[in-house]
């Protein structure tokens, strides 16, 4: 198995990138993505390897970076950017040794999570669907699959959210976030193909 097909290698590579954080808007965005990827794998693999401190501090950093990122992109959210960036800088050393060890069976755990999410993809709340797509994008990328199809859907949903927040800055109209329901079937089709390419026969039984 190639190292890039091991989920823990993927998690550690993203943590390594995140630790190079600086306060620039580009780094805020990138570091948030790197930490989300690391955190997604840490949470998924936590049933076989769990470090509560690493998960807690990673979540804190992602939360703060999200506030900075939204303020940078949307433009009308008042924050003390310098203070928040400083908080992230202080958190990162606490996760600097949070690399995952080699975990036997990590691919199986990840594919089981992929299948579990697949089973619960519905035409549902925008935020729930967007979260599932993002997690699936990270998980499938972690096992060496081409991330582009799910990444494109995730980006489309992210653009919808950003546009909604921008409009909320200048309008008092309380509009509900929505998306094209065809994205649900598109997502399921992509994920099903990925599962069928896996080495785990018991996960390939579809109705």
C-alpha atoms as a PDB file:
ATOM      1  CA  UNK A   1       0.000   0.000   0.000  1.00  0.00           C
ATOM      2  CA  UNK A   2       1.294   3.438  -0.933  1.00  0.00           C
ATOM      3  CA  UNK A   3       1.747   5.843   2.018  1.00  0.00           C
ATOM      4  CA  UNK A   4      -0.676   8.326   0.434  1.00  0.00           C
ATOM      5  CA  UNK A   5      -3.391   5.657   0.608  1.00  0.00           C
ATOM      6  CA  UNK A   6      -3.116   5.411   4.394  1.00  0.00           C
ATOM      7  CA  UNK A   7      -5.579   7.718   6.198  1.00  0.00           C
ATOM      8  CA  UNK A   8      -3.147   8.425   9.051  1.00  0.00           C
ATOM      9  CA  UNK A   9      -0.485   9.576   6.544  1.00  0.00           C
ATOM     10  CA  UNK A  10      -3.072  11.955   5.086  1.00  0.00           C
ATOM     11  CA  UNK A  11      -3.996  13.278   8.541  1.00  0.00           C
ATOM     12  CA  UNK A  12      -0.372  13.822   9.538  1.00  0.00           C
ATOM     13  CA  UNK A  13       0.513  15.528   6.273  1.00  0.00           C
ATOM     14  CA  UNK A  14      -2.309  18.032   6.778  1.00  0.00           C
ATOM     15  CA  UNK A  15      -1.327  18.647  10.400  1.00  0.00           C
ATOM     16  CA  UNK A  16       2.237  19.316   9.272  1.00  0.00           C
ATOM     17  CA  UNK A  17       0.978  21.932   6.802  1.00  0.00           C
ATOM     18  CA  UNK A  18      -1.318  23.530   9.397  1.00  0.00           C
ATOM     19  CA  UNK A  19       1.551  24.126  11.793  1.00  0.00           C
ATOM     20  CA  UNK A  20       3.066  26.580   9.257  1.00  0.00           C
ATOM     21  CA  UNK A  21       0.221  29.031   9.946  1.00  0.00           C
ATOM     22  CA  UNK A  22       0.588  32.790   9.551  1.00  0.00           C
ATOM     23  CA  UNK A  23      -2.156  35.456   9.920  1.00  0.00           C
ATOM     24  CA  UNK A  24      -2.556  36.231   6.190  1.00  0.00           C
ATOM     25  CA  UNK A  25      -6.034  35.639   4.690  1.00  0.00           C
ATOM     26  CA  UNK A  26      -4.676  32.900   2.420  1.00  0.00           C
ATOM     27  CA  UNK A  27      -3.014  31.086   5.331  1.00  0.00           C
ATOM     28  CA  UNK A  28      -6.152  31.406   7.470  1.00  0.00           C
ATOM     29  CA  UNK A  29      -8.189  29.697   4.755  1.00  0.00           C
ATOM     30  CA  UNK A  30      -5.590  27.011   4.016  1.00  0.00           C
ATOM     31  CA  UNK A  31      -4.830  26.256   7.666  1.00  0.00           C
ATOM     32  CA  UNK A  32      -8.525  25.860   8.412  1.00  0.00           C
ATOM     33  CA  UNK A  33      -8.832  23.331   5.587  1.00  0.00           C
ATOM     34  CA  UNK A  34      -5.697  21.453   6.704  1.00  0.00           C
ATOM     35  CA  UNK A  35      -6.924  21.241  10.286  1.00  0.00           C
ATOM     36  CA  UNK A  36     -10.416  20.191   9.212  1.00  0.00           C
ATOM     37  CA  UNK A  37      -8.903  17.349   7.223  1.00  0.00           C
ATOM     38  CA  UNK A  38      -6.725  16.304  10.151  1.00  0.00           C
ATOM     39  CA  UNK A  39      -9.643  16.581  12.561  1.00  0.00           C
ATOM     40  CA  UNK A  40     -12.004  14.603  10.318  1.00  0.00           C
ATOM     41  CA  UNK A  41      -9.556  11.701  10.237  1.00  0.00           C
ATOM     42  CA  UNK A  42      -8.773  11.965  13.955  1.00  0.00           C
ATOM     43  CA  UNK A  43     -12.476  11.759  14.789  1.00  0.00           C
ATOM     44  CA  UNK A  44     -13.111   8.936  12.327  1.00  0.00           C
ATOM     45  CA  UNK A  45     -10.184   6.893  13.640  1.00  0.00           C
ATOM     46  CA  UNK A  46     -10.857   7.726  17.290  1.00  0.00           C
ATOM     47  CA  UNK A  47     -12.560   4.385  17.841  1.00  0.00           C
ATOM     48  CA  UNK A  48      -9.129   2.728  17.437  1.00  0.00           C
ATOM     49  CA  UNK A  49      -6.838   5.606  18.458  1.00  0.00           C
ATOM     50  CA  UNK A  50      -8.124   8.480  20.586  1.00  0.00           C
ATOM     51  CA  UNK A  51      -6.383  11.571  21.919  1.00  0.00           C
ATOM     52  CA  UNK A  52      -8.971  13.881  23.470  1.00  0.00           C
ATOM     53  CA  UNK A  53      -6.584  16.837  23.904  1.00  0.00           C
ATOM     54  CA  UNK A  54      -5.547  16.781  20.248  1.00  0.00           C
ATOM     55  CA  UNK A  55      -9.173  16.667  19.141  1.00  0.00           C
ATOM     56  CA  UNK A  56     -10.224  19.428  21.543  1.00  0.00           C
ATOM     57  CA  UNK A  57      -7.490  21.897  20.563  1.00  0.00           C
ATOM     58  CA  UNK A  58      -7.886  21.139  16.851  1.00  0.00           C
ATOM     59  CA  UNK A  59     -11.604  21.911  17.118  1.00  0.00           C
ATOM     60  CA  UNK A  60     -10.847  25.170  18.923  1.00  0.00           C
ATOM     61  CA  UNK A  61      -8.384  26.262  16.239  1.00  0.00           C
ATOM     62  CA  UNK A  62     -10.836  25.366  13.442  1.00  0.00           C
ATOM     63  CA  UNK A  63     -13.622  27.307  15.180  1.00  0.00           C
ATOM     64  CA  UNK A  64     -11.515  30.445  15.571  1.00  0.00           C
ATOM     65  CA  UNK A  65     -10.107  30.219  12.051  1.00  0.00           C
ATOM     66  CA  UNK A  66     -13.688  29.942  10.792  1.00  0.00           C
ATOM     67  CA  UNK A  67     -14.582  33.235  12.452  1.00  0.00           C
ATOM     68  CA  UNK A  68     -11.562  34.951  10.896  1.00  0.00           C
ATOM     69  CA  UNK A  69     -12.177  33.422   7.482  1.00  0.00           C
ATOM     70  CA  UNK A  70     -15.847  34.468   7.415  1.00  0.00           C
ATOM     71  CA  UNK A  71     -14.954  38.014   8.429  1.00  0.00           C
ATOM     72  CA  UNK A  72     -12.281  38.172   5.704  1.00  0.00           C
ATOM     73  CA  UNK A  73     -14.611  36.864   2.991  1.00  0.00           C
ATOM     74  CA  UNK A  74     -17.925  38.438   3.985  1.00  0.00           C
ATOM     75  CA  UNK A  75     -16.540  41.804   5.039  1.00  0.00           C
ATOM     76  CA  UNK A  76     -19.232  42.946   7.479  1.00  0.00           C
ATOM     77  CA  UNK A  77     -18.567  40.733  10.499  1.00  0.00           C
ATOM     78  CA  UNK A  78     -16.874  42.739  13.274  1.00  0.00           C
ATOM     79  CA  UNK A  79     -14.034  40.831  14.951  1.00  0.00           C
ATOM     80  CA  UNK A  80     -10.716  41.552  16.608  1.00  0.00           C
ATOM     81  CA  UNK A  81      -8.753  39.772  13.899  1.00  0.00           C
ATOM     82  CA  UNK A  82      -5.350  40.261  15.467  1.00  0.00           C
ATOM     83  CA  UNK A  83      -6.505  38.824  18.795  1.00  0.00           C
ATOM     84  CA  UNK A  84      -8.141  35.792  17.177  1.00  0.00           C
ATOM     85  CA  UNK A  85      -5.073  35.090  15.052  1.00  0.00           C
ATOM     86  CA  UNK A  86      -2.949  35.278  18.192  1.00  0.00           C
ATOM     87  CA  UNK A  87      -5.194  32.713  19.876  1.00  0.00           C
ATOM     88  CA  UNK A  88      -4.636  30.316  16.977  1.00  0.00           C
ATOM     89  CA  UNK A  89      -0.890  30.882  17.180  1.00  0.00           C
ATOM     90  CA  UNK A  90      -1.019  29.920  20.861  1.00  0.00           C
ATOM     91  CA  UNK A  91      -3.147  26.819  20.250  1.00  0.00           C
ATOM     92  CA  UNK A  92      -1.040  25.281  17.481  1.00  0.00           C
ATOM     93  CA  UNK A  93       1.954  24.331  19.695  1.00  0.00           C
ATOM     94  CA  UNK A  94      -0.483  22.271  21.774  1.00  0.00           C
ATOM     95  CA  UNK A  95      -1.143  20.020  18.772  1.00  0.00           C
ATOM     96  CA  UNK A  96       2.378  20.019  17.349  1.00  0.00           C
ATOM     97  CA  UNK A  97       2.951  16.450  18.552  1.00  0.00           C
ATOM     98  CA  UNK A  98      -0.521  15.164  17.661  1.00  0.00           C
ATOM     99  CA  UNK A  99       0.582  13.041  14.727  1.00  0.00           C
ATOM    100  CA  UNK A 100      -1.312   9.774  14.386  1.00  0.00           C
ATOM    101  CA  UNK A 101       0.637   6.519  14.663  1.00  0.00           C
ATOM    102  CA  UNK A 102       0.400   3.779  12.071  1.00  0.00           C
ATOM    103  CA  UNK A 103      -3.054   2.295  12.629  1.00  0.00           C
ATOM    104  CA  UNK A 104      -3.753  -1.210  11.400  1.00  0.00           C
ATOM    105  CA  UNK A 105      -7.177  -1.368   9.807  1.00  0.00           C
ATOM    106  CA  UNK A 106      -7.406   2.397   9.269  1.00  0.00           C
ATOM    107  CA  UNK A 107      -8.661   2.019   5.690  1.00  0.00           C
ATOM    108  CA  UNK A 108     -11.428  -0.288   6.848  1.00  0.00           C
ATOM    109  CA  UNK A 109     -12.506   2.181   9.549  1.00  0.00           C
ATOM    110  CA  UNK A 110     -12.567   5.015   7.020  1.00  0.00           C
ATOM    111  CA  UNK A 111     -14.506   3.053   4.403  1.00  0.00           C
ATOM    112  CA  UNK A 112     -17.013   1.951   7.022  1.00  0.00           C
ATOM    113  CA  UNK A 113     -17.548   5.623   7.898  1.00  0.00           C
ATOM    114  CA  UNK A 114     -17.925   6.483   4.212  1.00  0.00           C
ATOM    115  CA  UNK A 115     -20.569   3.775   3.845  1.00  0.00           C
ATOM    116  CA  UNK A 116     -22.346   4.932   7.016  1.00  0.00           C
ATOM    117  CA  UNK A 117     -22.594   8.499   5.718  1.00  0.00           C
ATOM    118  CA  UNK A 118     -23.681   7.241   2.290  1.00  0.00           C
ATOM    119  CA  UNK A 119     -26.587   5.418   3.937  1.00  0.00           C
ATOM    120  CA  UNK A 120     -27.810   8.688   5.480  1.00  0.00           C
ATOM    121  CA  UNK A 121     -27.467  11.128   2.588  1.00  0.00           C
ATOM    122  CA  UNK A 122     -30.894  12.681   2.090  1.00  0.00           C
ATOM    123  CA  UNK A 123     -32.534  15.781   0.656  1.00  0.00           C
ATOM    124  CA  UNK A 124     -32.225  17.585   3.955  1.00  0.00           C
ATOM    125  CA  UNK A 125     -31.115  20.718   5.728  1.00  0.00           C
ATOM    126  CA  UNK A 126     -28.493  22.635   3.748  1.00  0.00           C
ATOM    127  CA  UNK A 127     -25.930  22.675   6.549  1.00  0.00           C
ATOM    128  CA  UNK A 128     -26.276  18.950   7.296  1.00  0.00           C
ATOM    129  CA  UNK A 129     -25.855  18.016   3.641  1.00  0.00           C
ATOM    130  CA  UNK A 130     -22.908  20.365   3.199  1.00  0.00           C
ATOM    131  CA  UNK A 131     -21.203  18.896   6.269  1.00  0.00           C
ATOM    132  CA  UNK A 132     -21.651  15.336   4.982  1.00  0.00           C
ATOM    133  CA  UNK A 133     -20.262  16.223   1.557  1.00  0.00           C
ATOM    134  CA  UNK A 134     -17.227  17.880   3.119  1.00  0.00           C
ATOM    135  CA  UNK A 135     -16.512  14.884   5.367  1.00  0.00           C
ATOM    136  CA  UNK A 136     -16.909  12.486   2.429  1.00  0.00           C
ATOM    137  CA  UNK A 137     -14.537  14.606   0.348  1.00  0.00           C
ATOM    138  CA  UNK A 138     -11.863  14.422   3.054  1.00  0.00           C
ATOM    139  CA  UNK A 139     -12.370  10.726   3.827  1.00  0.00           C
ATOM    140  CA  UNK A 140     -12.264   9.595   0.205  1.00  0.00           C
ATOM    141  CA  UNK A 141      -9.214  11.752  -0.458  1.00  0.00           C
ATOM    142  CA  UNK A 142      -7.506  10.150   2.558  1.00  0.00           C
ATOM    143  CA  UNK A 143      -7.668   6.693   0.966  1.00  0.00           C
ATOM    144  CA  UNK A 144      -6.157   7.844  -2.322  1.00  0.00           C
ATOM    145  CA  UNK A 145      -9.322   8.533  -4.321  1.00  0.00           C
ATOM    146  CA  UNK A 146      -9.594  11.498  -6.686  1.00  0.00           C
ATOM    147  CA  UNK A 147     -11.130  14.255  -4.514  1.00  0.00           C
ATOM    148  CA  UNK A 148     -12.222  16.523  -7.364  1.00  0.00           C
ATOM    149  CA  UNK A 149     -15.873  15.417  -7.881  1.00  0.00           C
ATOM    150  CA  UNK A 150     -16.797  15.760  -4.192  1.00  0.00           C
ATOM    151  CA  UNK A 151     -14.555  18.801  -3.772  1.00  0.00           C
ATOM    152  CA  UNK A 152     -16.445  20.551  -6.583  1.00  0.00           C
ATOM    153  CA  UNK A 153     -19.802  19.877  -4.893  1.00  0.00           C
ATOM    154  CA  UNK A 154     -18.420  20.990  -1.545  1.00  0.00           C
ATOM    155  CA  UNK A 155     -17.129  24.189  -3.110  1.00  0.00           C
ATOM    156  CA  UNK A 156     -20.486  24.865  -4.800  1.00  0.00           C
ATOM    157  CA  UNK A 157     -22.257  24.527  -1.454  1.00  0.00           C
ATOM    158  CA  UNK A 158     -19.646  26.730   0.215  1.00  0.00           C
ATOM    159  CA  UNK A 159     -20.173  29.429  -2.418  1.00  0.00           C
ATOM    160  CA  UNK A 160     -23.924  29.317  -1.756  1.00  0.00           C
ATOM    161  CA  UNK A 161     -23.287  29.826   1.964  1.00  0.00           C
ATOM    162  CA  UNK A 162     -20.860  32.710   1.367  1.00  0.00           C
ATOM    163  CA  UNK A 163     -23.294  34.445  -0.976  1.00  0.00           C
ATOM    164  CA  UNK A 164     -26.059  34.026   1.581  1.00  0.00           C
ATOM    165  CA  UNK A 165     -23.915  35.629   4.313  1.00  0.00           C
ATOM    166  CA  UNK A 166     -22.931  38.505   2.021  1.00  0.00           C
ATOM    167  CA  UNK A 167     -26.573  39.198   1.213  1.00  0.00           C
ATOM    168  CA  UNK A 168     -27.460  39.013   4.909  1.00  0.00           C
ATOM    169  CA  UNK A 169     -25.069  41.914   5.495  1.00  0.00           C
ATOM    170  CA  UNK A 170     -27.109  44.240   3.319  1.00  0.00           C
ATOM    171  CA  UNK A 171     -30.635  42.836   3.610  1.00  0.00           C
ATOM    172  CA  UNK A 172     -33.138  42.274   6.398  1.00  0.00           C
ATOM    173  CA  UNK A 173     -34.906  39.544   4.395  1.00  0.00           C
ATOM    174  CA  UNK A 174     -34.602  36.231   6.227  1.00  0.00           C
ATOM    175  CA  UNK A 175     -34.096  33.824   3.317  1.00  0.00           C
ATOM    176  CA  UNK A 176     -33.664  30.089   3.822  1.00  0.00           C
ATOM    177  CA  UNK A 177     -30.541  28.462   2.417  1.00  0.00           C
ATOM    178  CA  UNK A 178     -31.326  25.974  -0.330  1.00  0.00           C
ATOM    179  CA  UNK A 179     -29.540  23.862  -2.929  1.00  0.00           C
ATOM    180  CA  UNK A 180     -30.306  21.835  -6.049  1.00  0.00           C
ATOM    181  CA  UNK A 181     -31.650  18.477  -4.771  1.00  0.00           C
ATOM    182  CA  UNK A 182     -29.985  16.761  -7.737  1.00  0.00           C
ATOM    183  CA  UNK A 183     -26.699  17.229  -5.868  1.00  0.00           C
ATOM    184  CA  UNK A 184     -27.854  14.560  -3.421  1.00  0.00           C
ATOM    185  CA  UNK A 185     -28.105  11.867  -6.109  1.00  0.00           C
ATOM    186  CA  UNK A 186     -24.902  13.102  -7.729  1.00  0.00           C
ATOM    187  CA  UNK A 187     -23.080  12.785  -4.406  1.00  0.00           C
ATOM    188  CA  UNK A 188     -24.478   9.302  -3.769  1.00  0.00           C
ATOM    189  CA  UNK A 189     -23.435   8.144  -7.243  1.00  0.00           C
ATOM    190  CA  UNK A 190     -19.871   9.387  -6.725  1.00  0.00           C
ATOM    191  CA  UNK A 191     -19.558   7.785  -3.305  1.00  0.00           C
ATOM    192  CA  UNK A 192     -21.071   4.509  -4.454  1.00  0.00           C
ATOM    193  CA  UNK A 193     -18.449   4.214  -7.201  1.00  0.00           C
ATOM    194  CA  UNK A 194     -15.695   4.848  -4.659  1.00  0.00           C
ATOM    195  CA  UNK A 195     -17.050   2.162  -2.331  1.00  0.00           C
ATOM    196  CA  UNK A 196     -17.278  -0.311  -5.231  1.00  0.00           C
ATOM    197  CA  UNK A 197     -13.585   0.291  -5.998  1.00  0.00           C
ATOM    198  CA  UNK A 198     -12.582  -0.520  -2.414  1.00  0.00           C
ATOM    199  CA  UNK A 199     -11.159  -3.825  -1.223  1.00  0.00           C
ATOM    200  CA  UNK A 200     -13.970  -4.365   1.292  1.00  0.00           C
ATOM    201  CA  UNK A 201     -16.558  -6.688  -0.218  1.00  0.00           C
ATOM    202  CA  UNK A 202     -18.997  -6.502   2.697  1.00  0.00           C
ATOM    203  CA  UNK A 203     -19.514  -2.779   2.077  1.00  0.00           C
ATOM    204  CA  UNK A 204     -20.527  -3.242  -1.575  1.00  0.00           C
ATOM    205  CA  UNK A 205     -24.043  -4.568  -1.011  1.00  0.00           C
ATOM    206  CA  UNK A 206     -26.516  -1.944  -2.243  1.00  0.00           C
ATOM    207  CA  UNK A 207     -30.261  -2.239  -2.594  1.00  0.00           C
END
